[in-house]
Amino acid sequence: MVFQKGEKLEEDLYSNSGVLLLRKGTFLTERLAAILNKYEVLRDPELDGRRIATEVPGIFHDLLYENIYHEMEELQRIIQVKTTLCDAEVESMEKNFRKLYKEVFTTRTSILELMEHFSADEYLFKHCIHVGLIAANIGKILKLDPEKQSLLAQMGLFHDIGKFTIDPQILNKPGRLTDAEFALIKKHPEAGYRLLEKTSLDPMILKGTLMHHERLDGSGYPDGRKTIPFLVRILSVADTFDAICSNRAYRRRQPVFFAIDELMADADAGRLDREIVLPFANFLMENYRKQPITLRNGVKGSIIRIHPLHPNQPVLKVEGYPVLNLMEQKLTLFQIANPY
């Protein structure tokens, strides 16, 4: 079955986990048609004959992602002429994101795989989606209840909405920002709070929008506060991690090992919550356990043990060498591993 630009869907289209991807009557854009043509679309007798798109690694989230991207573009246009939003203006984006959230967690998609798959997309929109998914994943790692995990996902989705009010030429400037430009960027938490304060979104979403750049040592902004709600602290870790690992206008994305070093440094300095950073860093390192790792000298190695309190300094098995304990050597994995 081949889909064409301008074609009108005659039936609802579902993922094979039962999530509605596109409604009957949707007119296909060129991009949507191209995405659909990467799927095998067929009828599923267990779903009353509804058409489903079977899972194809790296592809099956694209339709949901595209829907959210479209909603964000619409919201950005609205924000150019409005200072506050209403429920109707955020509801559609939130609804589509909940579908993506359900699909990601139902299919147990790796957060690292998802970030890699969408790394070429426009930074701000991608970043909001990823921070929501990463924050929810941290909530799961910390064994928070599903309601809090879902709330963390929404906090991430809306956390940077204040940046929609900033001139894209400043947001996407490839060079160093002037002091005046950086001062403008630092106003986005308050701008985001004002945009959302008249909606019926959970109050914690508004707190996340306002406080995600605050730090426990008082070095953050906009208010330099030290008392930060626990869920906002999780949001800050997710935000920091994705910002480091994403392509930006002014720099190339950094490797995960570097991001773990940065999170650990912020935790050791009292800026980020160590009780959140450590479990998350351990989770990330576990993804690399026993996977081949190329060291900077070209030699292959693998992680055989992770120190719970020093996850960025694991014990390595290295070809042709004795076991290497990075903590004893006072080295981190980023310092000796090929970054990409």
Protein backbone atom coordinates (compact mmCIF):
# COMPACT_ATOMS: atom_id res chain seq x y z
CA MET A 1 0.00 0.00 0.00
CA VAL A 2 1.49 3.34 -1.09
CA PHE A 3 0.45 6.66 0.46
CA GLN A 4 0.50 9.90 -1.53
CA LYS A 5 0.71 13.59 -0.61
CA GLY A 6 -2.79 15.09 -0.45
CA GLU A 7 -4.45 11.70 0.07
CA LYS A 8 -7.28 11.56 2.62
CA LEU A 9 -7.21 8.68 5.12
CA GLU A 10 -10.36 6.61 4.86
CA GLU A 11 -9.85 4.88 8.22
CA ASP A 12 -8.27 5.56 11.61
CA LEU A 13 -4.67 4.31 11.81
CA TYR A 14 -3.35 2.66 14.99
CA SER A 15 0.03 1.43 16.20
CA ASN A 16 0.19 -2.27 16.97
CA SER A 17 0.03 -1.43 20.68
CA GLY A 18 -3.38 0.15 20.11
CA VAL A 19 -2.41 3.84 20.15
CA LEU A 20 -4.29 6.02 17.65
CA LEU A 21 -1.75 7.52 15.25
CA LEU A 22 -3.88 9.36 12.68
CA ARG A 23 -7.63 9.92 12.49
CA LYS A 24 -9.90 9.12 9.56
CA GLY A 25 -10.16 12.15 7.29
CA THR A 26 -6.57 13.35 7.82
CA PHE A 27 -5.04 14.82 4.66
CA LEU A 28 -1.48 13.60 4.24
CA THR A 29 1.37 16.05 3.88
CA GLU A 30 4.43 14.98 1.91
CA ARG A 31 6.26 14.23 5.16
CA LEU A 32 3.38 12.19 6.64
CA ALA A 33 3.05 10.17 3.43
CA ALA A 34 6.79 9.46 3.45
CA ILE A 35 6.61 8.29 7.07
CA LEU A 36 3.61 6.04 6.40
CA ASN A 37 5.35 4.44 3.45
CA LYS A 38 8.03 3.16 5.85
CA TYR A 39 5.42 1.09 7.69
CA GLU A 40 3.69 -2.13 6.79
CA VAL A 41 0.05 -1.15 7.13
CA LEU A 42 -2.39 -4.03 7.49
CA ARG A 43 -5.59 -5.13 9.18
CA ASP A 44 -5.38 -6.69 12.63
CA PRO A 45 -8.18 -9.19 13.37
CA GLU A 46 -7.53 -8.81 17.11
CA LEU A 47 -8.30 -5.09 16.83
CA ASP A 48 -11.63 -5.54 15.02
CA GLY A 49 -9.96 -5.28 11.64
CA ARG A 50 -8.57 -1.80 12.30
CA ARG A 51 -5.60 -0.78 10.20
CA ILE A 52 -2.34 -0.82 12.15
CA ALA A 53 1.23 0.15 11.43
CA THR A 54 3.62 -2.58 12.49
CA GLU A 55 6.70 -1.72 14.50
CA VAL A 56 9.77 -0.92 12.46
CA PRO A 57 12.83 -0.11 14.63
CA GLY A 58 13.56 3.61 14.60
CA ILE A 59 10.39 4.46 12.66
CA PHE A 60 7.26 3.68 14.63
CA HIS A 61 7.24 6.86 16.75
CA ASP A 62 7.55 9.23 13.79
CA LEU A 63 3.84 9.87 13.26
CA LEU A 64 3.23 10.71 16.93
CA TYR A 65 6.34 12.88 16.98
CA GLU A 66 5.23 14.68 13.82
CA ASN A 67 1.82 15.41 15.35
CA ILE A 68 3.39 17.00 18.44
CA TYR A 69 5.84 18.96 16.30
CA HIS A 70 2.91 20.39 14.31
CA GLU A 71 1.08 21.34 17.52
CA MET A 72 4.20 23.10 18.82
CA GLU A 73 4.53 25.08 15.62
CA GLU A 74 0.90 26.18 15.96
CA LEU A 75 1.42 27.11 19.61
CA GLN A 76 4.54 29.10 18.75
CA ARG A 77 2.54 31.15 16.24
CA ILE A 78 -0.16 31.82 18.84
CA ILE A 79 2.41 32.93 21.40
CA GLN A 80 3.74 35.55 19.00
CA VAL A 81 0.50 37.50 19.50
CA LYS A 82 -0.66 36.41 22.99
CA THR A 83 0.80 36.79 26.48
CA THR A 84 -1.31 34.08 28.12
CA LEU A 85 -2.70 30.76 26.93
CA CYS A 86 -5.98 28.97 27.63
CA ASP A 87 -6.71 25.27 28.10
CA ALA A 88 -7.88 24.78 24.52
CA GLU A 89 -4.55 26.07 23.18
CA VAL A 90 -2.42 23.57 25.12
CA GLU A 91 -4.84 20.63 25.17
CA SER A 92 -4.09 19.25 21.71
CA MET A 93 -0.32 19.28 22.19
CA GLU A 94 -0.69 17.64 25.59
CA LYS A 95 -3.03 14.98 24.18
CA ASN A 96 -0.67 14.04 21.35
CA PHE A 97 2.28 13.94 23.72
CA ARG A 98 0.43 11.53 26.03
CA LYS A 99 0.08 9.19 23.04
CA LEU A 100 3.82 9.32 22.35
CA TYR A 101 4.55 8.83 26.04
CA LYS A 102 2.29 5.75 26.14
CA GLU A 103 3.83 4.31 22.99
CA VAL A 104 7.42 4.82 24.19
CA PHE A 105 6.84 3.22 27.56
CA THR A 106 4.57 0.44 26.24
CA THR A 107 7.23 -0.65 23.75
CA ARG A 108 10.10 -0.02 26.20
CA THR A 109 11.99 2.14 23.75
CA SER A 110 15.43 3.13 24.99
CA ILE A 111 15.65 6.85 25.75
CA LEU A 112 19.14 6.88 24.23
CA GLU A 113 17.81 5.31 21.02
CA LEU A 114 14.99 7.84 20.83
CA MET A 115 17.38 10.78 21.31
CA GLU A 116 19.65 9.46 18.59
CA HIS A 117 16.76 8.90 16.20
CA PHE A 118 15.47 12.47 16.51
CA SER A 119 18.85 14.22 16.84
CA ALA A 120 18.48 16.06 13.52
CA ASP A 121 15.18 17.75 14.40
CA GLU A 122 14.85 21.41 15.36
CA TYR A 123 16.39 21.83 18.80
CA LEU A 124 13.75 23.58 20.90
CA PHE A 125 10.80 21.37 19.93
CA LYS A 126 12.87 18.19 20.16
CA HIS A 127 14.32 19.25 23.49
CA CYS A 128 10.91 19.75 25.10
CA ILE A 129 9.74 16.31 23.96
CA HIS A 130 12.92 14.57 25.08
CA VAL A 131 13.07 16.26 28.47
CA GLY A 132 9.53 15.07 29.15
CA LEU A 133 10.39 11.48 28.24
CA ILE A 134 13.71 11.55 30.12
CA ALA A 135 12.14 13.07 33.25
CA ALA A 136 9.43 10.39 33.24
CA ASN A 137 12.12 7.75 32.81
CA ILE A 138 14.02 9.11 35.81
CA GLY A 139 10.77 8.95 37.77
CA LYS A 140 10.51 5.29 36.81
CA ILE A 141 14.13 4.66 37.85
CA LEU A 142 13.34 6.24 41.22
CA LYS A 143 10.23 4.02 41.49
CA LEU A 144 7.79 6.93 41.64
CA ASP A 145 4.15 6.05 41.06
CA PRO A 146 2.84 6.15 37.45
CA GLU A 147 0.87 9.35 38.08
CA LYS A 148 4.06 11.19 39.04
CA GLN A 149 5.91 9.73 36.06
CA SER A 150 3.16 11.07 33.78
CA LEU A 151 3.28 14.44 35.51
CA LEU A 152 7.06 14.61 35.00
CA ALA A 153 6.51 13.95 31.29
CA GLN A 154 4.14 16.91 31.05
CA MET A 155 6.51 19.10 33.07
CA GLY A 156 9.21 18.41 30.51
CA LEU A 157 6.93 19.10 27.57
CA PHE A 158 6.07 22.59 28.83
CA HIS A 159 9.26 23.54 30.69
CA ASP A 160 10.80 25.68 27.91
CA ILE A 161 7.59 27.14 26.50
CA GLY A 162 8.80 30.61 27.52
CA LYS A 163 11.49 30.36 24.82
CA PHE A 164 8.72 30.55 22.22
CA THR A 165 8.52 34.26 23.10
CA ILE A 166 12.18 34.89 22.24
CA ASP A 167 13.42 35.97 18.81
CA PRO A 168 14.54 32.76 16.98
CA GLN A 169 17.61 34.65 15.70
CA ILE A 170 18.79 34.92 19.29
CA LEU A 171 17.80 31.34 20.21
CA ASN A 172 19.57 29.92 17.16
CA LYS A 173 22.56 32.27 17.12
CA PRO A 174 25.64 30.23 16.16
CA GLY A 175 28.11 32.47 18.01
CA ARG A 176 28.48 33.68 21.57
CA LEU A 177 25.52 35.61 23.00
CA THR A 178 26.00 39.19 24.14
CA ASP A 179 25.27 39.98 27.80
CA ALA A 180 21.99 41.60 26.73
CA GLU A 181 20.98 38.54 24.68
CA PHE A 182 21.79 36.17 27.52
CA ALA A 183 19.80 38.34 29.94
CA LEU A 184 16.84 37.99 27.57
CA ILE A 185 17.25 34.20 27.42
CA LYS A 186 17.25 34.07 31.22
CA LYS A 187 13.75 35.57 31.26
CA HIS A 188 12.18 32.54 29.59
CA PRO A 189 11.18 30.75 32.85
CA GLU A 190 9.08 33.72 33.97
CA ALA A 191 7.67 34.17 30.45
CA GLY A 192 6.66 30.50 30.39
CA TYR A 193 4.99 30.77 33.78
CA ARG A 194 2.96 33.78 32.65
CA LEU A 195 1.87 31.97 29.48
CA LEU A 196 0.52 29.00 31.45
CA GLU A 197 -0.73 30.56 34.68
CA LYS A 198 -4.35 30.90 33.50
CA THR A 199 -4.62 27.30 32.27
CA SER A 200 -5.81 24.43 34.44
CA LEU A 201 -2.53 22.53 34.07
CA ASP A 202 -1.23 20.91 37.25
CA PRO A 203 0.46 23.58 39.44
CA MET A 204 3.65 21.49 39.44
CA ILE A 205 3.92 21.97 35.66
CA LEU A 206 3.95 25.72 36.23
CA LYS A 207 6.57 25.35 38.98
CA GLY A 208 8.72 23.31 36.61
CA THR A 209 8.40 25.99 33.94
CA LEU A 210 9.44 28.69 36.41
CA MET A 211 12.13 26.83 38.38
CA HIS A 212 13.91 24.36 36.08
CA HIS A 213 17.05 26.55 36.02
CA GLU A 214 17.16 27.05 39.78
CA ARG A 215 19.96 25.21 41.61
CA LEU A 216 20.19 23.84 45.13
CA ASP A 217 23.18 26.04 45.97
CA GLY A 218 21.30 29.20 44.95
CA SER A 219 23.36 29.75 41.80
CA GLY A 220 20.41 29.33 39.39
CA TYR A 221 17.83 31.73 37.97
CA PRO A 222 15.44 33.54 37.87
CA ASP A 223 15.31 33.92 41.67
CA GLY A 224 18.40 32.15 42.99
CA ARG A 225 16.24 30.03 45.31
CA LYS A 226 17.61 26.97 47.13
CA THR A 227 14.31 25.31 48.05
CA ILE A 228 13.18 23.42 44.97
CA PRO A 229 10.38 20.80 44.78
CA PHE A 230 11.61 17.24 44.26
CA LEU A 231 9.88 16.79 40.89
CA VAL A 232 11.43 20.03 39.63
CA ARG A 233 14.85 18.73 40.70
CA ILE A 234 14.23 15.66 38.52
CA LEU A 235 13.21 17.96 35.66
CA SER A 236 16.45 19.94 36.03
CA VAL A 237 18.55 16.77 35.73
CA ALA A 238 16.65 15.69 32.61
CA ASP A 239 16.93 19.20 31.12
CA THR A 240 20.68 19.39 31.76
CA PHE A 241 21.31 15.94 30.33
CA ASP A 242 19.39 16.49 27.09
CA ALA A 243 20.84 19.98 26.57
CA ILE A 244 24.36 18.50 26.72
CA CYS A 245 23.53 15.58 24.40
CA SER A 246 21.71 17.62 21.73
CA ASN A 247 23.01 19.50 18.71
CA ARG A 248 22.81 23.23 19.30
CA ALA A 249 23.25 26.19 16.98
CA TYR A 250 26.52 27.11 18.68
CA ARG A 251 28.01 23.65 19.34
CA ARG A 252 27.86 19.99 18.40
CA ARG A 253 26.16 17.55 20.76
CA GLN A 254 28.37 16.04 23.45
CA PRO A 255 28.67 12.29 24.17
CA VAL A 256 26.72 10.60 26.97
CA PHE A 257 29.93 9.89 28.92
CA PHE A 258 30.67 13.63 28.99
CA ALA A 259 27.10 14.39 30.11
CA ILE A 260 27.45 11.92 32.99
CA ASP A 261 30.67 13.66 34.08
CA GLU A 262 28.87 17.02 34.01
CA LEU A 263 25.91 15.73 36.01
CA MET A 264 28.25 14.19 38.59
CA ALA A 265 30.21 17.46 38.86
CA ASP A 266 26.98 19.42 39.41
CA ALA A 267 25.87 16.90 42.04
CA ASP A 268 29.24 17.02 43.83
CA ALA A 269 29.09 20.84 43.83
CA GLY A 270 25.60 20.81 45.33
CA ARG A 271 23.87 22.30 42.29
CA LEU A 272 21.85 19.22 41.31
CA ASP A 273 20.33 16.62 43.65
CA ARG A 274 22.81 13.79 44.13
CA GLU A 275 20.00 11.39 45.10
CA ILE A 276 18.60 11.87 41.58
CA VAL A 277 21.84 12.12 39.60
CA LEU A 278 23.37 8.90 40.97
CA PRO A 279 20.51 6.53 40.09
CA PHE A 280 20.17 8.15 36.65
CA ALA A 281 23.92 7.98 35.96
CA ASN A 282 23.98 4.33 37.07
CA PHE A 283 21.05 3.60 34.75
CA LEU A 284 22.85 5.23 31.81
CA MET A 285 26.08 3.33 32.50
CA GLU A 286 24.18 0.04 32.74
CA ASN A 287 23.14 0.59 29.12
CA TYR A 288 26.80 0.29 28.17
CA ARG A 289 27.69 -2.69 30.37
CA LYS A 290 29.46 -5.40 28.36
CA GLN A 291 28.99 -3.42 25.15
CA PRO A 292 32.21 -2.91 23.16
CA ILE A 293 33.81 0.43 24.03
CA THR A 294 36.66 1.82 21.95
CA LEU A 295 39.30 3.65 23.98
CA ARG A 296 41.06 6.72 22.66
CA ASN A 297 44.12 4.63 21.73
CA GLY A 298 41.94 2.36 19.58
CA VAL A 299 41.94 -0.59 21.98
CA LYS A 300 38.60 -2.32 22.67
CA GLY A 301 37.23 -2.67 26.17
CA SER A 302 34.03 -3.34 28.07
CA ILE A 303 32.50 -2.38 31.43
CA ILE A 304 32.50 -5.26 33.91
CA ARG A 305 31.59 -3.41 37.11
CA ILE A 306 30.01 -0.05 37.97
CA HIS A 307 30.66 1.73 41.26
CA PRO A 308 27.25 2.83 42.60
CA LEU A 309 28.68 6.07 44.04
CA HIS A 310 31.05 6.69 41.12
CA PRO A 311 29.23 5.41 38.01
CA ASN A 312 31.41 7.42 35.62
CA GLN A 313 34.49 5.53 36.92
CA PRO A 314 33.71 1.87 36.16
CA VAL A 315 35.98 -1.16 36.13
CA LEU A 316 36.94 -2.13 32.57
CA LYS A 317 38.15 -5.25 30.87
CA VAL A 318 40.60 -4.09 28.19
CA GLU A 319 42.02 -6.25 25.41
CA GLY A 320 45.64 -7.16 26.12
CA TYR A 321 45.75 -5.31 29.46
CA PRO A 322 45.00 -6.06 33.13
CA VAL A 323 41.59 -5.08 34.52
CA LEU A 324 41.43 -1.28 34.70
CA ASN A 325 39.73 0.33 37.73
CA LEU A 326 39.10 3.94 36.72
CA MET A 327 38.26 5.06 40.25
CA GLU A 328 41.67 3.87 41.49
CA GLN A 329 43.29 5.64 38.53
CA LYS A 330 41.27 8.82 39.23
CA LEU A 331 39.95 8.81 35.66
CA THR A 332 36.47 8.89 34.19
CA LEU A 333 35.25 6.86 31.23
CA PHE A 334 34.88 10.01 29.13
CA GLN A 335 38.57 10.81 29.66
CA ILE A 336 39.76 7.52 28.14
CA ALA A 337 36.96 6.42 25.80
CA ASN A 338 36.41 7.39 22.19
CA PRO A 339 33.59 9.95 22.59
CA TYR A 340 31.56 8.75 19.56
